[in-house]
């Protein structure tokens, strides 16, 4: 009987934990794209090393061919200006591509 009760309690705890996990609201993300004056793979490596450690960055893609960086981020954890500051601090110029412009696009 004790085993049945213990098994029932564990099952209920598992269901409660799963319900809490499943009910967690998805955090809002935004995507921004910049044109950056990078010219070689070392530039890409330097940008990758620095962007990957910014809090709130969920994903990013760097295209050396198009000279663009597309960043998917959580605006509750990082402000967009932080990306510009980080890239400029590395010695690059940064120009934001507006979402409605006919520029190269990338999807995650």
C-alpha atoms as a PDB file:
ATOM      1  CA  UNK A   1       0.000   0.000   0.000  1.00  0.00           C
ATOM      2  CA  UNK A   2       2.853   2.376   0.876  1.00  0.00           C
ATOM      3  CA  UNK A   3       4.434   1.700  -2.520  1.00  0.00           C
ATOM      4  CA  UNK A   4       1.202   2.539  -4.313  1.00  0.00           C
ATOM      5  CA  UNK A   5       0.805   5.795  -2.399  1.00  0.00           C
ATOM      6  CA  UNK A   6       4.435   6.729  -3.029  1.00  0.00           C
ATOM      7  CA  UNK A   7       4.060   5.960  -6.733  1.00  0.00           C
ATOM      8  CA  UNK A   8       0.869   8.008  -6.901  1.00  0.00           C
ATOM      9  CA  UNK A   9       2.547  10.981  -5.180  1.00  0.00           C
ATOM     10  CA  UNK A  10       5.549  10.827  -7.519  1.00  0.00           C
ATOM     11  CA  UNK A  11       3.261  10.642 -10.545  1.00  0.00           C
ATOM     12  CA  UNK A  12       1.271  13.658  -9.381  1.00  0.00           C
ATOM     13  CA  UNK A  13       4.479  15.607  -8.720  1.00  0.00           C
ATOM     14  CA  UNK A  14       5.716  14.751 -12.212  1.00  0.00           C
ATOM     15  CA  UNK A  15       2.470  15.912 -13.799  1.00  0.00           C
ATOM     16  CA  UNK A  16       2.562  19.157 -11.777  1.00  0.00           C
ATOM     17  CA  UNK A  17       6.164  19.817 -12.782  1.00  0.00           C
ATOM     18  CA  UNK A  18       5.387  19.135 -16.446  1.00  0.00           C
ATOM     19  CA  UNK A  19       2.329  21.407 -16.309  1.00  0.00           C
ATOM     20  CA  UNK A  20       4.362  24.224 -14.826  1.00  0.00           C
ATOM     21  CA  UNK A  21       7.010  23.786 -17.517  1.00  0.00           C
ATOM     22  CA  UNK A  22       4.487  23.615 -20.356  1.00  0.00           C
ATOM     23  CA  UNK A  23       2.584  26.664 -19.111  1.00  0.00           C
ATOM     24  CA  UNK A  24       5.681  28.868 -19.081  1.00  0.00           C
ATOM     25  CA  UNK A  25       5.042  31.760 -21.483  1.00  0.00           C
ATOM     26  CA  UNK A  26       7.422  32.130 -24.388  1.00  0.00           C
ATOM     27  CA  UNK A  27       9.648  35.160 -24.063  1.00  0.00           C
ATOM     28  CA  UNK A  28       9.383  37.844 -26.704  1.00  0.00           C
ATOM     29  CA  UNK A  29      12.265  38.082 -29.150  1.00  0.00           C
ATOM     30  CA  UNK A  30      13.220  40.665 -31.734  1.00  0.00           C
ATOM     31  CA  UNK A  31      15.524  40.520 -34.723  1.00  0.00           C
ATOM     32  CA  UNK A  32      17.754  43.264 -36.047  1.00  0.00           C
ATOM     33  CA  UNK A  33      20.133  43.332 -39.024  1.00  0.00           C
ATOM     34  CA  UNK A  34      23.200  45.520 -39.483  1.00  0.00           C
ATOM     35  CA  UNK A  35      25.616  46.152 -42.317  1.00  0.00           C
ATOM     36  CA  UNK A  36      29.157  46.044 -40.933  1.00  0.00           C
ATOM     37  CA  UNK A  37      32.379  46.933 -42.768  1.00  0.00           C
ATOM     38  CA  UNK A  38      34.021  43.541 -42.162  1.00  0.00           C
ATOM     39  CA  UNK A  39      36.297  42.173 -44.858  1.00  0.00           C
ATOM     40  CA  UNK A  40      37.755  38.801 -43.807  1.00  0.00           C
ATOM     41  CA  UNK A  41      37.216  35.674 -41.724  1.00  0.00           C
ATOM     42  CA  UNK A  42      39.213  37.188 -38.848  1.00  0.00           C
ATOM     43  CA  UNK A  43      36.609  39.969 -38.694  1.00  0.00           C
ATOM     44  CA  UNK A  44      33.853  37.360 -38.516  1.00  0.00           C
ATOM     45  CA  UNK A  45      35.696  35.506 -35.745  1.00  0.00           C
ATOM     46  CA  UNK A  46      36.215  38.686 -33.717  1.00  0.00           C
ATOM     47  CA  UNK A  47      32.553  39.670 -34.039  1.00  0.00           C
ATOM     48  CA  UNK A  48      31.398  36.142 -33.189  1.00  0.00           C
ATOM     49  CA  UNK A  49      33.558  36.018 -30.070  1.00  0.00           C
ATOM     50  CA  UNK A  50      32.187  39.316 -28.780  1.00  0.00           C
ATOM     51  CA  UNK A  51      28.499  38.963 -29.716  1.00  0.00           C
ATOM     52  CA  UNK A  52      28.173  35.440 -28.338  1.00  0.00           C
ATOM     53  CA  UNK A  53      28.826  36.648 -24.792  1.00  0.00           C
ATOM     54  CA  UNK A  54      26.217  39.424 -24.722  1.00  0.00           C
ATOM     55  CA  UNK A  55      23.377  38.643 -22.332  1.00  0.00           C
ATOM     56  CA  UNK A  56      20.038  38.379 -24.125  1.00  0.00           C
ATOM     57  CA  UNK A  57      21.425  37.287 -27.511  1.00  0.00           C
ATOM     58  CA  UNK A  58      19.578  34.129 -28.504  1.00  0.00           C
ATOM     59  CA  UNK A  59      21.075  33.617 -31.952  1.00  0.00           C
ATOM     60  CA  UNK A  60      22.953  35.506 -34.638  1.00  0.00           C
ATOM     61  CA  UNK A  61      24.143  34.995 -38.185  1.00  0.00           C
ATOM     62  CA  UNK A  62      27.080  36.724 -39.791  1.00  0.00           C
ATOM     63  CA  UNK A  63      27.390  36.870 -43.569  1.00  0.00           C
ATOM     64  CA  UNK A  64      30.826  37.910 -44.779  1.00  0.00           C
ATOM     65  CA  UNK A  65      29.556  37.861 -48.374  1.00  0.00           C
ATOM     66  CA  UNK A  66      26.717  40.324 -47.630  1.00  0.00           C
ATOM     67  CA  UNK A  67      28.645  42.072 -44.825  1.00  0.00           C
ATOM     68  CA  UNK A  68      25.633  41.690 -42.534  1.00  0.00           C
ATOM     69  CA  UNK A  69      24.949  40.583 -38.983  1.00  0.00           C
ATOM     70  CA  UNK A  70      21.431  39.463 -38.042  1.00  0.00           C
ATOM     71  CA  UNK A  71      20.817  39.179 -34.309  1.00  0.00           C
ATOM     72  CA  UNK A  72      17.848  37.517 -32.588  1.00  0.00           C
ATOM     73  CA  UNK A  73      17.581  38.784 -29.016  1.00  0.00           C
ATOM     74  CA  UNK A  74      15.381  39.193 -25.956  1.00  0.00           C
ATOM     75  CA  UNK A  75      14.703  42.944 -25.522  1.00  0.00           C
ATOM     76  CA  UNK A  76      13.931  42.388 -21.835  1.00  0.00           C
ATOM     77  CA  UNK A  77      17.563  41.359 -21.298  1.00  0.00           C
ATOM     78  CA  UNK A  78      19.527  43.599 -23.692  1.00  0.00           C
ATOM     79  CA  UNK A  79      18.974  46.879 -25.480  1.00  0.00           C
ATOM     80  CA  UNK A  80      19.639  47.038 -29.206  1.00  0.00           C
ATOM     81  CA  UNK A  81      22.122  49.875 -28.727  1.00  0.00           C
ATOM     82  CA  UNK A  82      24.447  47.425 -26.931  1.00  0.00           C
ATOM     83  CA  UNK A  83      25.059  45.629 -30.236  1.00  0.00           C
ATOM     84  CA  UNK A  84      26.043  48.856 -31.989  1.00  0.00           C
ATOM     85  CA  UNK A  85      28.361  49.824 -29.124  1.00  0.00           C
ATOM     86  CA  UNK A  86      30.005  46.391 -29.080  1.00  0.00           C
ATOM     87  CA  UNK A  87      30.584  46.331 -32.853  1.00  0.00           C
ATOM     88  CA  UNK A  88      31.869  49.915 -32.966  1.00  0.00           C
ATOM     89  CA  UNK A  89      34.198  49.244 -30.020  1.00  0.00           C
ATOM     90  CA  UNK A  90      35.840  46.570 -32.193  1.00  0.00           C
ATOM     91  CA  UNK A  91      36.570  49.210 -34.846  1.00  0.00           C
ATOM     92  CA  UNK A  92      33.781  48.606 -37.338  1.00  0.00           C
ATOM     93  CA  UNK A  93      31.135  50.936 -38.731  1.00  0.00           C
ATOM     94  CA  UNK A  94      27.531  49.821 -38.241  1.00  0.00           C
ATOM     95  CA  UNK A  95      24.411  50.677 -40.243  1.00  0.00           C
ATOM     96  CA  UNK A  96      21.031  49.269 -39.276  1.00  0.00           C
ATOM     97  CA  UNK A  97      18.921  47.748 -42.040  1.00  0.00           C
ATOM     98  CA  UNK A  98      15.296  48.691 -41.551  1.00  0.00           C
ATOM     99  CA  UNK A  99      12.841  45.761 -41.656  1.00  0.00           C
ATOM    100  CA  UNK A 100      10.911  47.111 -44.670  1.00  0.00           C
ATOM    101  CA  UNK A 101      13.977  47.784 -46.826  1.00  0.00           C
ATOM    102  CA  UNK A 102      14.900  45.573 -49.757  1.00  0.00           C
ATOM    103  CA  UNK A 103      18.137  44.382 -48.205  1.00  0.00           C
ATOM    104  CA  UNK A 104      19.480  40.875 -47.722  1.00  0.00           C
ATOM    105  CA  UNK A 105      17.348  38.952 -45.278  1.00  0.00           C
ATOM    106  CA  UNK A 106      18.013  35.964 -43.092  1.00  0.00           C
ATOM    107  CA  UNK A 107      15.715  33.636 -41.219  1.00  0.00           C
ATOM    108  CA  UNK A 108      16.303  31.694 -38.047  1.00  0.00           C
END
